[in-house]
Amino acid sequence: MILSIAKILLGYLLGSVSGSLLLGRLRGVDIRTMGSGNAGGTNAFRTQGAWFALGVGLIDIGKSALAVALARRGEADAVTALHLGLCAGAAAVAGHVWPLYHGFRGGKGVAALFGALLVLWPAGCGVVVGVILLTLATTGYVGLGSMLGGLALVPAALLLEPPGPRGTWLAAAVVVAGFVIFTHRANLRRLRAGTEHRFERARILWRLVRPRSAAR
């Protein structure tokens, strides 16, 4: 029991290592004072560029993947390993959103979620990424893509074969969907108000379809 708690706590401590704030210190910037004020990868891209955002993504995905891998290590029982991995992954995501080392002001948890899913359920991670990319290519809204990606994990848990009890994954998917919507509540308000930032260059599918629609 003590070892299990220690593994979950380690997950939170690893999750608290914010990629954008760590790299920002090396550059002498704090992206929480720029753009949207969020410490996630999207704001890192907008304010510091693609290479900076890539480094942020690698750190944020890697830290939660490491947290899950360490939590599962040495566990002979597959169900116990899954439960510990889920708990450590959730702790890493919580650390990403409320980082201990950075005044509890972090990102929105999506990159950390990717890392955890990449170890626990690669196919589920693929579904989330696919929905996000499709939404981005159609609408240009990153926040909307993140929310729909989180929601997509629920039908994925029902329709696909998750690595473990389906009930466990369904419960986890519902929690993930609710959490992602919670951390993107400001995006929801901006979407309703029509003030949400849109990546026009990412709307590849929309640009392909629009000329055909206009011609009709």
N, C-alpha and C. Protein backbone atom coordinates (compact mmCIF):
# COMPACT_ATOMS: atom_id res chain seq x y z
N MET A 1 0.83 -1.21 0.00
CA MET A 1 0.00 0.00 0.00
C MET A 1 0.87 1.27 0.00
N ILE A 2 1.91 1.28 0.87
CA ILE A 2 2.78 2.46 0.94
C ILE A 2 3.51 2.66 -0.38
N LEU A 3 3.96 1.54 -0.98
CA LEU A 3 4.66 1.63 -2.26
C LEU A 3 3.72 2.15 -3.35
N SER A 4 2.47 1.72 -3.33
CA SER A 4 1.50 2.17 -4.32
C SER A 4 1.25 3.68 -4.19
N ILE A 5 1.11 4.14 -2.95
CA ILE A 5 0.91 5.57 -2.71
C ILE A 5 2.13 6.36 -3.17
N ALA A 6 3.30 5.81 -2.91
CA ALA A 6 4.54 6.48 -3.32
C ALA A 6 4.61 6.60 -4.85
N LYS A 7 4.17 5.56 -5.55
CA LYS A 7 4.19 5.60 -7.01
C LYS A 7 3.24 6.67 -7.54
N ILE A 8 2.08 6.79 -6.93
CA ILE A 8 1.10 7.80 -7.35
C ILE A 8 1.63 9.20 -7.04
N LEU A 9 2.23 9.36 -5.88
CA LEU A 9 2.81 10.65 -5.51
C LEU A 9 3.94 11.03 -6.47
N LEU A 10 4.74 10.04 -6.84
CA LEU A 10 5.80 10.28 -7.81
C LEU A 10 5.23 10.75 -9.14
N GLY A 11 4.08 10.18 -9.52
CA GLY A 11 3.41 10.60 -10.74
C GLY A 11 3.06 12.08 -10.70
N TYR A 12 2.56 12.54 -9.55
CA TYR A 12 2.23 13.96 -9.42
C TYR A 12 3.48 14.83 -9.48
N LEU A 13 4.54 14.40 -8.82
CA LEU A 13 5.78 15.18 -8.81
C LEU A 13 6.39 15.26 -10.21
N LEU A 14 6.33 14.16 -10.96
CA LEU A 14 6.81 14.18 -12.34
C LEU A 14 5.92 15.08 -13.20
N GLY A 15 4.62 14.98 -12.99
CA GLY A 15 3.69 15.81 -13.75
C GLY A 15 3.86 17.29 -13.48
N SER A 16 4.38 17.63 -12.31
CA SER A 16 4.58 19.03 -11.96
C SER A 16 5.75 19.69 -12.68
N VAL A 17 6.54 18.86 -13.39
CA VAL A 17 7.64 19.41 -14.19
C VAL A 17 7.02 19.95 -15.49
N SER A 18 6.79 21.24 -15.54
CA SER A 18 6.14 21.85 -16.70
C SER A 18 7.15 22.13 -17.80
N GLY A 19 6.93 21.54 -18.97
CA GLY A 19 7.86 21.73 -20.07
C GLY A 19 8.00 23.17 -20.49
N SER A 20 6.88 23.89 -20.60
CA SER A 20 6.93 25.27 -21.06
C SER A 20 7.61 26.19 -20.05
N LEU A 21 7.39 25.92 -18.77
CA LEU A 21 7.99 26.79 -17.75
C LEU A 21 9.46 26.45 -17.54
N LEU A 22 9.80 25.17 -17.68
CA LEU A 22 11.20 24.77 -17.56
C LEU A 22 12.02 25.35 -18.70
N LEU A 23 11.56 25.16 -19.94
CA LEU A 23 12.28 25.72 -21.08
C LEU A 23 12.20 27.24 -21.11
N GLY A 24 11.08 27.75 -20.60
CA GLY A 24 10.93 29.21 -20.54
C GLY A 24 11.95 29.85 -19.63
N ARG A 25 12.29 29.18 -18.53
CA ARG A 25 13.31 29.71 -17.64
C ARG A 25 14.67 29.77 -18.32
N LEU A 26 14.95 28.76 -19.14
CA LEU A 26 16.21 28.76 -19.88
C LEU A 26 16.25 29.90 -20.89
N ARG A 27 15.09 30.29 -21.39
CA ARG A 27 15.00 31.37 -22.36
C ARG A 27 14.77 32.72 -21.70
N GLY A 28 14.44 32.69 -20.42
CA GLY A 28 14.18 33.93 -19.69
C GLY A 28 12.79 34.48 -19.88
N VAL A 29 11.82 33.59 -20.16
CA VAL A 29 10.43 34.03 -20.34
C VAL A 29 9.50 33.16 -19.50
N ASP A 30 8.34 33.68 -19.22
CA ASP A 30 7.27 32.94 -18.55
C ASP A 30 6.04 33.10 -19.42
N ILE A 31 5.66 32.04 -20.14
CA ILE A 31 4.57 32.19 -21.11
C ILE A 31 3.22 32.39 -20.43
N ARG A 32 3.17 32.25 -19.11
CA ARG A 32 1.92 32.55 -18.41
C ARG A 32 1.63 34.04 -18.40
N THR A 33 2.62 34.84 -18.76
CA THR A 33 2.41 36.29 -18.88
C THR A 33 2.19 36.70 -20.33
N MET A 34 2.06 35.72 -21.22
CA MET A 34 1.92 36.01 -22.65
C MET A 34 0.71 35.28 -23.22
N GLY A 35 0.24 35.75 -24.35
CA GLY A 35 -0.84 35.07 -25.05
C GLY A 35 -2.06 34.83 -24.18
N SER A 36 -2.48 33.56 -24.13
CA SER A 36 -3.66 33.19 -23.34
C SER A 36 -3.36 33.10 -21.86
N GLY A 37 -2.06 33.13 -21.49
CA GLY A 37 -1.69 33.01 -20.09
C GLY A 37 -1.59 31.59 -19.60
N ASN A 38 -1.80 30.63 -20.50
CA ASN A 38 -1.74 29.22 -20.14
C ASN A 38 -0.34 28.68 -20.37
N ALA A 39 0.07 27.71 -19.54
CA ALA A 39 1.42 27.15 -19.65
C ALA A 39 1.47 25.89 -20.51
N GLY A 40 0.49 25.71 -21.38
CA GLY A 40 0.44 24.53 -22.21
C GLY A 40 1.14 24.70 -23.55
N GLY A 41 1.11 23.63 -24.34
CA GLY A 41 1.81 23.60 -25.61
C GLY A 41 1.26 24.56 -26.65
N THR A 42 -0.07 24.76 -26.66
CA THR A 42 -0.66 25.66 -27.65
C THR A 42 -0.19 27.09 -27.47
N ASN A 43 -0.20 27.56 -26.23
CA ASN A 43 0.28 28.92 -25.96
C ASN A 43 1.78 29.02 -26.18
N ALA A 44 2.50 27.92 -25.92
CA ALA A 44 3.94 27.91 -26.19
C ALA A 44 4.20 28.09 -27.68
N PHE A 45 3.40 27.43 -28.51
CA PHE A 45 3.55 27.56 -29.96
C PHE A 45 3.23 28.98 -30.42
N ARG A 46 2.16 29.53 -29.90
CA ARG A 46 1.74 30.87 -30.32
C ARG A 46 2.74 31.95 -29.93
N THR A 47 3.33 31.80 -28.76
CA THR A 47 4.18 32.87 -28.25
C THR A 47 5.66 32.66 -28.47
N GLN A 48 6.10 31.38 -28.62
CA GLN A 48 7.54 31.11 -28.71
C GLN A 48 7.96 30.36 -29.96
N GLY A 49 6.99 29.86 -30.72
CA GLY A 49 7.34 29.21 -31.97
C GLY A 49 7.31 27.69 -31.91
N ALA A 50 7.50 27.08 -33.09
CA ALA A 50 7.31 25.65 -33.25
C ALA A 50 8.35 24.82 -32.51
N TRP A 51 9.63 25.20 -32.59
CA TRP A 51 10.67 24.40 -31.95
C TRP A 51 10.54 24.41 -30.43
N PHE A 52 10.21 25.55 -29.88
CA PHE A 52 9.97 25.65 -28.44
C PHE A 52 8.80 24.76 -28.04
N ALA A 53 7.71 24.83 -28.81
CA ALA A 53 6.52 24.02 -28.52
C ALA A 53 6.81 22.54 -28.66
N LEU A 54 7.67 22.17 -29.61
CA LEU A 54 8.04 20.76 -29.75
C LEU A 54 8.76 20.26 -28.51
N GLY A 55 9.69 21.05 -28.02
CA GLY A 55 10.39 20.68 -26.79
C GLY A 55 9.44 20.55 -25.62
N VAL A 56 8.50 21.49 -25.53
CA VAL A 56 7.49 21.44 -24.46
C VAL A 56 6.68 20.16 -24.55
N GLY A 57 6.24 19.82 -25.77
CA GLY A 57 5.43 18.61 -25.95
C GLY A 57 6.18 17.35 -25.57
N LEU A 58 7.44 17.27 -25.96
CA LEU A 58 8.23 16.08 -25.63
C LEU A 58 8.38 15.90 -24.12
N ILE A 59 8.61 17.01 -23.42
CA ILE A 59 8.75 16.93 -21.96
C ILE A 59 7.42 16.54 -21.31
N ASP A 60 6.34 17.19 -21.74
CA ASP A 60 5.04 16.97 -21.09
C ASP A 60 4.47 15.58 -21.39
N ILE A 61 4.71 15.09 -22.59
CA ILE A 61 4.28 13.73 -22.91
C ILE A 61 5.17 12.70 -22.21
N GLY A 62 6.47 12.97 -22.24
CA GLY A 62 7.42 12.03 -21.65
C GLY A 62 7.28 11.87 -20.15
N LYS A 63 6.96 12.96 -19.45
CA LYS A 63 6.90 12.87 -17.99
C LYS A 63 5.76 11.96 -17.52
N SER A 64 4.60 12.05 -18.18
CA SER A 64 3.48 11.21 -17.76
C SER A 64 3.68 9.77 -18.23
N ALA A 65 4.30 9.59 -19.40
CA ALA A 65 4.62 8.24 -19.84
C ALA A 65 5.57 7.57 -18.85
N LEU A 66 6.56 8.32 -18.37
CA LEU A 66 7.50 7.80 -17.38
C LEU A 66 6.79 7.47 -16.07
N ALA A 67 5.88 8.35 -15.66
CA ALA A 67 5.13 8.13 -14.41
C ALA A 67 4.35 6.83 -14.47
N VAL A 68 3.69 6.59 -15.59
CA VAL A 68 2.89 5.36 -15.75
C VAL A 68 3.80 4.13 -15.80
N ALA A 69 4.89 4.23 -16.55
CA ALA A 69 5.81 3.09 -16.67
C ALA A 69 6.40 2.71 -15.31
N LEU A 70 6.78 3.69 -14.52
CA LEU A 70 7.35 3.42 -13.20
C LEU A 70 6.31 2.83 -12.26
N ALA A 71 5.07 3.29 -12.37
CA ALA A 71 4.01 2.79 -11.50
C ALA A 71 3.70 1.33 -11.80
N ARG A 72 3.76 0.95 -13.06
CA ARG A 72 3.44 -0.43 -13.46
C ARG A 72 4.60 -1.39 -13.24
N ARG A 73 5.79 -0.85 -13.11
CA ARG A 73 6.99 -1.69 -13.01
C ARG A 73 6.96 -2.55 -11.74
N GLY A 74 7.25 -3.83 -11.91
CA GLY A 74 7.33 -4.73 -10.78
C GLY A 74 6.00 -5.29 -10.32
N GLU A 75 4.90 -4.93 -11.00
CA GLU A 75 3.58 -5.43 -10.62
C GLU A 75 3.25 -6.68 -11.45
N ALA A 76 3.15 -7.80 -10.79
CA ALA A 76 2.91 -9.06 -11.49
C ALA A 76 1.46 -9.19 -11.95
N ASP A 77 0.53 -8.67 -11.18
CA ASP A 77 -0.89 -8.77 -11.52
C ASP A 77 -1.25 -7.68 -12.54
N ALA A 78 -1.84 -8.08 -13.67
CA ALA A 78 -2.12 -7.14 -14.76
C ALA A 78 -3.15 -6.08 -14.36
N VAL A 79 -4.16 -6.49 -13.61
CA VAL A 79 -5.21 -5.54 -13.21
C VAL A 79 -4.64 -4.52 -12.22
N THR A 80 -3.84 -5.00 -11.28
CA THR A 80 -3.21 -4.08 -10.33
C THR A 80 -2.29 -3.09 -11.05
N ALA A 81 -1.53 -3.62 -12.02
CA ALA A 81 -0.64 -2.76 -12.80
C ALA A 81 -1.43 -1.70 -13.56
N LEU A 82 -2.58 -2.10 -14.11
CA LEU A 82 -3.43 -1.15 -14.84
C LEU A 82 -3.95 -0.07 -13.91
N HIS A 83 -4.46 -0.49 -12.75
CA HIS A 83 -5.02 0.49 -11.81
C HIS A 83 -3.95 1.47 -11.31
N LEU A 84 -2.77 0.96 -11.02
CA LEU A 84 -1.68 1.83 -10.59
C LEU A 84 -1.25 2.76 -11.72
N GLY A 85 -1.21 2.23 -12.93
CA GLY A 85 -0.86 3.06 -14.08
C GLY A 85 -1.87 4.17 -14.30
N LEU A 86 -3.15 3.84 -14.18
CA LEU A 86 -4.19 4.85 -14.33
C LEU A 86 -4.09 5.92 -13.25
N CYS A 87 -3.88 5.50 -12.02
CA CYS A 87 -3.78 6.45 -10.91
C CYS A 87 -2.55 7.35 -11.04
N ALA A 88 -1.40 6.74 -11.42
CA ALA A 88 -0.18 7.52 -11.59
C ALA A 88 -0.31 8.47 -12.78
N GLY A 89 -0.98 8.00 -13.86
CA GLY A 89 -1.21 8.87 -15.01
C GLY A 89 -2.12 10.03 -14.65
N ALA A 90 -3.17 9.74 -13.88
CA ALA A 90 -4.07 10.82 -13.43
C ALA A 90 -3.32 11.81 -12.55
N ALA A 91 -2.44 11.30 -11.70
CA ALA A 91 -1.65 12.18 -10.83
C ALA A 91 -0.71 13.05 -11.66
N ALA A 92 -0.14 12.49 -12.72
CA ALA A 92 0.75 13.26 -13.59
C ALA A 92 -0.02 14.36 -14.32
N VAL A 93 -1.23 14.03 -14.76
CA VAL A 93 -2.07 15.04 -15.42
C VAL A 93 -2.43 16.15 -14.42
N ALA A 94 -2.78 15.76 -13.19
CA ALA A 94 -3.08 16.75 -12.16
C ALA A 94 -1.87 17.63 -11.89
N GLY A 95 -0.68 17.02 -11.86
CA GLY A 95 0.53 17.80 -11.66
C GLY A 95 0.78 18.76 -12.80
N HIS A 96 0.44 18.36 -14.01
CA HIS A 96 0.60 19.23 -15.18
C HIS A 96 -0.32 20.45 -15.07
N VAL A 97 -1.54 20.23 -14.61
CA VAL A 97 -2.51 21.33 -14.49
C VAL A 97 -2.24 22.18 -13.27
N TRP A 98 -1.87 21.54 -12.16
CA TRP A 98 -1.59 22.26 -10.91
C TRP A 98 -0.19 21.90 -10.42
N PRO A 99 0.86 22.40 -11.09
CA PRO A 99 2.24 22.00 -10.77
C PRO A 99 2.73 22.54 -9.43
N LEU A 100 3.26 21.63 -8.64
CA LEU A 100 3.76 21.99 -7.31
C LEU A 100 4.88 23.01 -7.40
N TYR A 101 5.75 22.90 -8.42
CA TYR A 101 6.94 23.75 -8.50
C TYR A 101 6.68 25.11 -9.14
N HIS A 102 5.47 25.34 -9.64
CA HIS A 102 5.22 26.56 -10.39
C HIS A 102 3.95 27.27 -9.93
N GLY A 103 3.73 27.29 -8.63
CA GLY A 103 2.60 28.03 -8.08
C GLY A 103 1.25 27.46 -8.46
N PHE A 104 1.19 26.17 -8.79
CA PHE A 104 -0.06 25.48 -9.12
C PHE A 104 -0.78 26.09 -10.33
N ARG A 105 0.00 26.72 -11.23
CA ARG A 105 -0.55 27.28 -12.47
C ARG A 105 0.15 26.63 -13.66
N GLY A 106 -0.52 25.66 -14.26
CA GLY A 106 0.09 24.92 -15.36
C GLY A 106 -0.74 24.93 -16.62
N GLY A 107 -0.67 23.83 -17.37
CA GLY A 107 -1.40 23.70 -18.62
C GLY A 107 -2.76 23.08 -18.42
N LYS A 108 -3.32 22.55 -19.51
CA LYS A 108 -4.67 22.00 -19.46
C LYS A 108 -4.71 20.48 -19.44
N GLY A 109 -3.55 19.85 -19.45
CA GLY A 109 -3.47 18.42 -19.22
C GLY A 109 -3.51 17.52 -20.43
N VAL A 110 -3.68 18.07 -21.63
CA VAL A 110 -3.85 17.21 -22.80
C VAL A 110 -2.56 16.48 -23.17
N ALA A 111 -1.43 17.19 -23.18
CA ALA A 111 -0.16 16.55 -23.52
C ALA A 111 0.18 15.45 -22.51
N ALA A 112 -0.06 15.73 -21.23
CA ALA A 112 0.21 14.72 -20.21
C ALA A 112 -0.72 13.52 -20.38
N LEU A 113 -1.94 13.78 -20.79
CA LEU A 113 -2.89 12.69 -21.06
C LEU A 113 -2.38 11.82 -22.21
N PHE A 114 -1.84 12.45 -23.26
CA PHE A 114 -1.27 11.69 -24.37
C PHE A 114 -0.21 10.71 -23.87
N GLY A 115 0.69 11.21 -23.03
CA GLY A 115 1.78 10.38 -22.54
C GLY A 115 1.30 9.18 -21.75
N ALA A 116 0.31 9.40 -20.89
CA ALA A 116 -0.23 8.30 -20.10
C ALA A 116 -0.91 7.27 -20.99
N LEU A 117 -1.73 7.74 -21.94
CA LEU A 117 -2.44 6.82 -22.83
C LEU A 117 -1.48 6.07 -23.75
N LEU A 118 -0.41 6.74 -24.11
CA LEU A 118 0.56 6.11 -25.01
C LEU A 118 1.13 4.83 -24.40
N VAL A 119 1.27 4.82 -23.09
CA VAL A 119 1.78 3.63 -22.39
C VAL A 119 0.64 2.67 -22.06
N LEU A 120 -0.48 3.20 -21.60
CA LEU A 120 -1.57 2.36 -21.12
C LEU A 120 -2.42 1.77 -22.23
N TRP A 121 -2.72 2.60 -23.26
CA TRP A 121 -3.63 2.17 -24.32
C TRP A 121 -3.30 2.93 -25.60
N PRO A 122 -2.32 2.49 -26.35
CA PRO A 122 -1.92 3.21 -27.57
C PRO A 122 -3.05 3.42 -28.56
N ALA A 123 -3.94 2.42 -28.71
CA ALA A 123 -5.05 2.57 -29.65
C ALA A 123 -5.99 3.69 -29.19
N GLY A 124 -6.24 3.78 -27.90
CA GLY A 124 -7.08 4.86 -27.38
C GLY A 124 -6.44 6.21 -27.59
N CYS A 125 -5.12 6.26 -27.42
CA CYS A 125 -4.37 7.49 -27.68
C CYS A 125 -4.51 7.88 -29.15
N GLY A 126 -4.46 6.88 -30.04
CA GLY A 126 -4.62 7.15 -31.47
C GLY A 126 -5.97 7.73 -31.80
N VAL A 127 -7.02 7.25 -31.12
CA VAL A 127 -8.36 7.79 -31.33
C VAL A 127 -8.42 9.25 -30.92
N VAL A 128 -7.87 9.56 -29.75
CA VAL A 128 -7.88 10.94 -29.26
C VAL A 128 -7.12 11.86 -30.21
N VAL A 129 -5.93 11.45 -30.61
CA VAL A 129 -5.12 12.26 -31.51
C VAL A 129 -5.83 12.44 -32.86
N GLY A 130 -6.43 11.35 -33.37
CA GLY A 130 -7.12 11.43 -34.65
C GLY A 130 -8.28 12.41 -34.63
N VAL A 131 -9.06 12.39 -33.56
CA VAL A 131 -10.20 13.31 -33.45
C VAL A 131 -9.71 14.75 -33.33
N ILE A 132 -8.65 14.96 -32.56
CA ILE A 132 -8.11 16.31 -32.41
C ILE A 132 -7.63 16.85 -33.76
N LEU A 133 -6.88 16.03 -34.50
CA LEU A 133 -6.36 16.47 -35.79
C LEU A 133 -7.48 16.72 -36.79
N LEU A 134 -8.50 15.86 -36.79
CA LEU A 134 -9.63 16.04 -37.70
C LEU A 134 -10.39 17.33 -37.38
N THR A 135 -10.60 17.59 -36.09
CA THR A 135 -11.29 18.81 -35.69
C THR A 135 -10.47 20.04 -36.04
N LEU A 136 -9.17 19.96 -35.81
CA LEU A 136 -8.29 21.08 -36.13
C LEU A 136 -8.26 21.35 -37.63
N ALA A 137 -8.19 20.28 -38.43
CA ALA A 137 -8.15 20.45 -39.89
C ALA A 137 -9.47 20.97 -40.44
N THR A 138 -10.56 20.77 -39.69
CA THR A 138 -11.87 21.21 -40.15
C THR A 138 -12.23 22.59 -39.63
N THR A 139 -12.00 22.82 -38.33
CA THR A 139 -12.46 24.07 -37.71
C THR A 139 -11.33 25.04 -37.36
N GLY A 140 -10.12 24.51 -37.12
CA GLY A 140 -9.02 25.37 -36.69
C GLY A 140 -9.00 25.65 -35.21
N TYR A 141 -9.92 25.05 -34.44
CA TYR A 141 -9.99 25.30 -33.00
C TYR A 141 -9.28 24.19 -32.24
N VAL A 142 -8.17 24.53 -31.59
CA VAL A 142 -7.41 23.53 -30.83
C VAL A 142 -8.19 23.08 -29.60
N GLY A 143 -8.77 24.03 -28.88
CA GLY A 143 -9.51 23.71 -27.67
C GLY A 143 -10.69 22.80 -27.94
N LEU A 144 -11.42 23.09 -29.02
CA LEU A 144 -12.56 22.24 -29.39
C LEU A 144 -12.07 20.84 -29.73
N GLY A 145 -10.95 20.74 -30.45
CA GLY A 145 -10.39 19.44 -30.77
C GLY A 145 -10.02 18.66 -29.53
N SER A 146 -9.44 19.34 -28.55
CA SER A 146 -9.06 18.68 -27.29
C SER A 146 -10.28 18.14 -26.56
N MET A 147 -11.35 18.93 -26.52
CA MET A 147 -12.56 18.49 -25.83
C MET A 147 -13.21 17.31 -26.56
N LEU A 148 -13.31 17.40 -27.88
CA LEU A 148 -13.89 16.29 -28.63
C LEU A 148 -13.02 15.04 -28.56
N GLY A 149 -11.69 15.24 -28.53
CA GLY A 149 -10.79 14.11 -28.38
C GLY A 149 -10.99 13.40 -27.05
N GLY A 150 -11.16 14.19 -25.98
CA GLY A 150 -11.43 13.59 -24.68
C GLY A 150 -12.75 12.84 -24.66
N LEU A 151 -13.78 13.43 -25.27
CA LEU A 151 -15.09 12.78 -25.33
C LEU A 151 -15.04 11.50 -26.16
N ALA A 152 -14.19 11.49 -27.18
CA ALA A 152 -14.11 10.31 -28.07
C ALA A 152 -13.59 9.08 -27.34
N LEU A 153 -12.93 9.29 -26.22
CA LEU A 153 -12.40 8.15 -25.48
C LEU A 153 -13.54 7.29 -24.89
N VAL A 154 -14.71 7.90 -24.67
CA VAL A 154 -15.84 7.14 -24.11
C VAL A 154 -16.36 6.10 -25.11
N PRO A 155 -16.74 6.49 -26.34
CA PRO A 155 -17.16 5.44 -27.29
C PRO A 155 -16.02 4.48 -27.65
N ALA A 156 -14.78 4.97 -27.61
CA ALA A 156 -13.64 4.08 -27.89
C ALA A 156 -13.58 2.97 -26.85
N ALA A 157 -13.85 3.30 -25.59
CA ALA A 157 -13.83 2.29 -24.53
C ALA A 157 -14.95 1.27 -24.71
N LEU A 158 -16.04 1.69 -25.36
CA LEU A 158 -17.17 0.79 -25.59
C LEU A 158 -16.99 -0.06 -26.84
N LEU A 159 -16.41 0.53 -27.88
CA LEU A 159 -16.37 -0.13 -29.18
C LEU A 159 -15.07 -0.88 -29.45
N LEU A 160 -13.97 -0.41 -28.87
CA LEU A 160 -12.69 -1.07 -29.08
C LEU A 160 -12.41 -2.07 -27.95
N GLU A 161 -11.27 -2.70 -28.01
CA GLU A 161 -10.89 -3.67 -26.98
C GLU A 161 -9.78 -3.06 -26.13
N PRO A 162 -10.11 -2.40 -25.03
CA PRO A 162 -9.08 -1.80 -24.18
C PRO A 162 -8.29 -2.88 -23.46
N PRO A 163 -7.05 -2.58 -23.10
CA PRO A 163 -6.19 -3.58 -22.43
C PRO A 163 -6.52 -3.70 -20.95
N GLY A 164 -7.61 -4.35 -20.65
CA GLY A 164 -8.02 -4.50 -19.26
C GLY A 164 -9.53 -4.51 -19.17
N PRO A 165 -10.08 -4.55 -17.97
CA PRO A 165 -11.54 -4.58 -17.80
C PRO A 165 -12.20 -3.38 -18.49
N ARG A 166 -13.23 -3.66 -19.30
CA ARG A 166 -13.90 -2.59 -20.03
C ARG A 166 -14.54 -1.57 -19.08
N GLY A 167 -15.08 -2.07 -17.97
CA GLY A 167 -15.71 -1.17 -17.01
C GLY A 167 -14.72 -0.16 -16.44
N THR A 168 -13.51 -0.63 -16.17
CA THR A 168 -12.47 0.28 -15.66
C THR A 168 -12.14 1.36 -16.67
N TRP A 169 -11.99 0.95 -17.93
CA TRP A 169 -11.65 1.92 -18.97
C TRP A 169 -12.81 2.86 -19.26
N LEU A 170 -14.03 2.37 -19.18
CA LEU A 170 -15.19 3.23 -19.41
C LEU A 170 -15.27 4.31 -18.33
N ALA A 171 -15.06 3.91 -17.08
CA ALA A 171 -15.06 4.88 -15.98
C ALA A 171 -13.94 5.89 -16.15
N ALA A 172 -12.75 5.39 -16.53
CA ALA A 172 -11.61 6.29 -16.75
C ALA A 172 -11.89 7.26 -17.89
N ALA A 173 -12.52 6.77 -18.96
CA ALA A 173 -12.83 7.61 -20.12
C ALA A 173 -13.81 8.72 -19.75
N VAL A 174 -14.80 8.40 -18.94
CA VAL A 174 -15.77 9.41 -18.51
C VAL A 174 -15.08 10.49 -17.67
N VAL A 175 -14.19 10.06 -16.78
CA VAL A 175 -13.45 11.02 -15.96
C VAL A 175 -12.56 11.90 -16.83
N VAL A 176 -11.87 11.29 -17.80
CA VAL A 176 -11.00 12.05 -18.70
C VAL A 176 -11.81 13.08 -19.48
N ALA A 177 -12.95 12.66 -20.04
CA ALA A 177 -13.79 13.57 -20.82
C ALA A 177 -14.25 14.76 -19.97
N GLY A 178 -14.72 14.47 -18.76
CA GLY A 178 -15.17 15.54 -17.88
C GLY A 178 -14.04 16.47 -17.48
N PHE A 179 -12.86 15.90 -17.23
CA PHE A 179 -11.72 16.70 -16.80
C PHE A 179 -11.23 17.61 -17.93
N VAL A 180 -11.16 17.07 -19.15
CA VAL A 180 -10.70 17.89 -20.28
C VAL A 180 -11.67 19.03 -20.54
N ILE A 181 -12.96 18.77 -20.44
CA ILE A 181 -13.95 19.84 -20.62
C ILE A 181 -13.79 20.88 -19.51
N PHE A 182 -13.55 20.42 -18.29
CA PHE A 182 -13.35 21.35 -17.16
C PHE A 182 -12.15 22.26 -17.40
N THR A 183 -11.02 21.68 -17.83
CA THR A 183 -9.82 22.51 -18.01
C THR A 183 -9.93 23.42 -19.24
N HIS A 184 -10.89 23.12 -20.12
CA HIS A 184 -11.10 23.96 -21.31
C HIS A 184 -12.38 24.79 -21.20
N ARG A 185 -12.84 25.02 -19.99
CA ARG A 185 -14.08 25.78 -19.82
C ARG A 185 -13.97 27.21 -20.35
N ALA A 186 -12.78 27.80 -20.25
CA ALA A 186 -12.60 29.15 -20.81
C ALA A 186 -12.71 29.12 -22.33
N ASN A 187 -12.22 28.05 -22.95
CA ASN A 187 -12.36 27.90 -24.40
C ASN A 187 -13.83 27.79 -24.79
N LEU A 188 -14.60 27.07 -23.98
CA LEU A 188 -16.03 26.95 -24.24
C LEU A 188 -16.71 28.31 -24.20
N ARG A 189 -16.35 29.13 -23.22
CA ARG A 189 -16.95 30.46 -23.13
C ARG A 189 -16.59 31.29 -24.35
N ARG A 190 -15.32 31.19 -24.79
CA ARG A 190 -14.91 31.97 -25.97
C ARG A 190 -15.57 31.46 -27.24
N LEU A 191 -15.78 30.15 -27.32
CA LEU A 191 -16.48 29.60 -28.49
C LEU A 191 -17.90 30.13 -28.56
N ARG A 192 -18.56 30.17 -27.43
CA ARG A 192 -19.93 30.68 -27.39
C ARG A 192 -19.98 32.16 -27.74
N ALA A 193 -18.95 32.89 -27.30
CA ALA A 193 -18.91 34.34 -27.56
C ALA A 193 -18.36 34.66 -28.95
N GLY A 194 -17.82 33.65 -29.64
CA GLY A 194 -17.25 33.88 -30.96
C GLY A 194 -15.90 34.54 -30.94
N THR A 195 -15.18 34.43 -29.81
CA THR A 195 -13.88 35.10 -29.67
C THR A 195 -12.72 34.10 -29.55
N GLU A 196 -13.00 32.82 -29.74
CA GLU A 196 -11.95 31.81 -29.62
C GLU A 196 -10.94 31.95 -30.75
N HIS A 197 -9.65 31.82 -30.41
CA HIS A 197 -8.59 31.92 -31.42
C HIS A 197 -8.65 30.71 -32.35
N ARG A 198 -8.52 30.98 -33.65
CA ARG A 198 -8.59 29.93 -34.65
C ARG A 198 -7.28 29.87 -35.45
N PHE A 199 -6.75 28.63 -35.63
CA PHE A 199 -5.58 28.45 -36.47
C PHE A 199 -6.05 28.25 -37.91
N GLU A 200 -6.10 29.33 -38.66
CA GLU A 200 -6.60 29.26 -40.03
C GLU A 200 -5.73 28.36 -40.91
N ARG A 201 -4.42 28.40 -40.69
CA ARG A 201 -3.52 27.59 -41.52
C ARG A 201 -3.74 26.10 -41.33
N ALA A 202 -4.32 25.72 -40.19
CA ALA A 202 -4.54 24.29 -39.92
C ALA A 202 -5.81 23.76 -40.56
N ARG A 203 -6.65 24.63 -41.11
CA ARG A 203 -7.96 24.21 -41.63
C ARG A 203 -7.82 23.63 -43.04
N ILE A 204 -7.08 22.57 -43.15
CA ILE A 204 -6.77 21.98 -44.45
C ILE A 204 -8.02 21.40 -45.10
N LEU A 205 -8.80 20.62 -44.37
CA LEU A 205 -10.00 20.01 -44.93
C LEU A 205 -11.03 21.05 -45.30
N TRP A 206 -11.15 22.08 -44.49
CA TRP A 206 -12.13 23.14 -44.77
C TRP A 206 -11.80 23.85 -46.07
N ARG A 207 -10.52 24.08 -46.33
CA ARG A 207 -10.12 24.75 -47.57
C ARG A 207 -10.33 23.85 -48.78
N LEU A 208 -10.24 22.53 -48.60
CA LEU A 208 -10.48 21.61 -49.70
C LEU A 208 -11.96 21.51 -50.06
N VAL A 209 -12.80 21.58 -49.05
CA VAL A 209 -14.24 21.42 -49.25
C VAL A 209 -14.91 22.72 -49.67
N ARG A 210 -14.43 23.85 -49.18
CA ARG A 210 -15.09 25.13 -49.40
C ARG A 210 -15.30 25.48 -50.87
N PRO A 211 -14.29 25.33 -51.75
CA PRO A 211 -14.51 25.70 -53.15
C PRO A 211 -15.64 24.90 -53.79
N ARG A 212 -15.76 23.62 -53.45
CA ARG A 212 -16.81 22.80 -54.00
C ARG A 212 -18.18 23.28 -53.53
N SER A 213 -18.26 23.63 -52.25
CA SER A 213 -19.53 24.11 -51.71
C SER A 213 -19.92 25.43 -52.36
N ALA A 214 -18.92 26.31 -52.57
CA ALA A 214 -19.19 27.61 -53.15
C ALA A 214 -19.65 27.48 -54.60
N ALA A 215 -19.08 26.45 -55.30
CA ALA A 215 -19.43 26.26 -56.70
C ALA A 215 -20.89 25.84 -56.87
N ARG A 216 -21.41 25.16 -55.87
CA ARG A 216 -22.80 24.72 -55.93
C ARG A 216 -23.75 25.87 -55.63
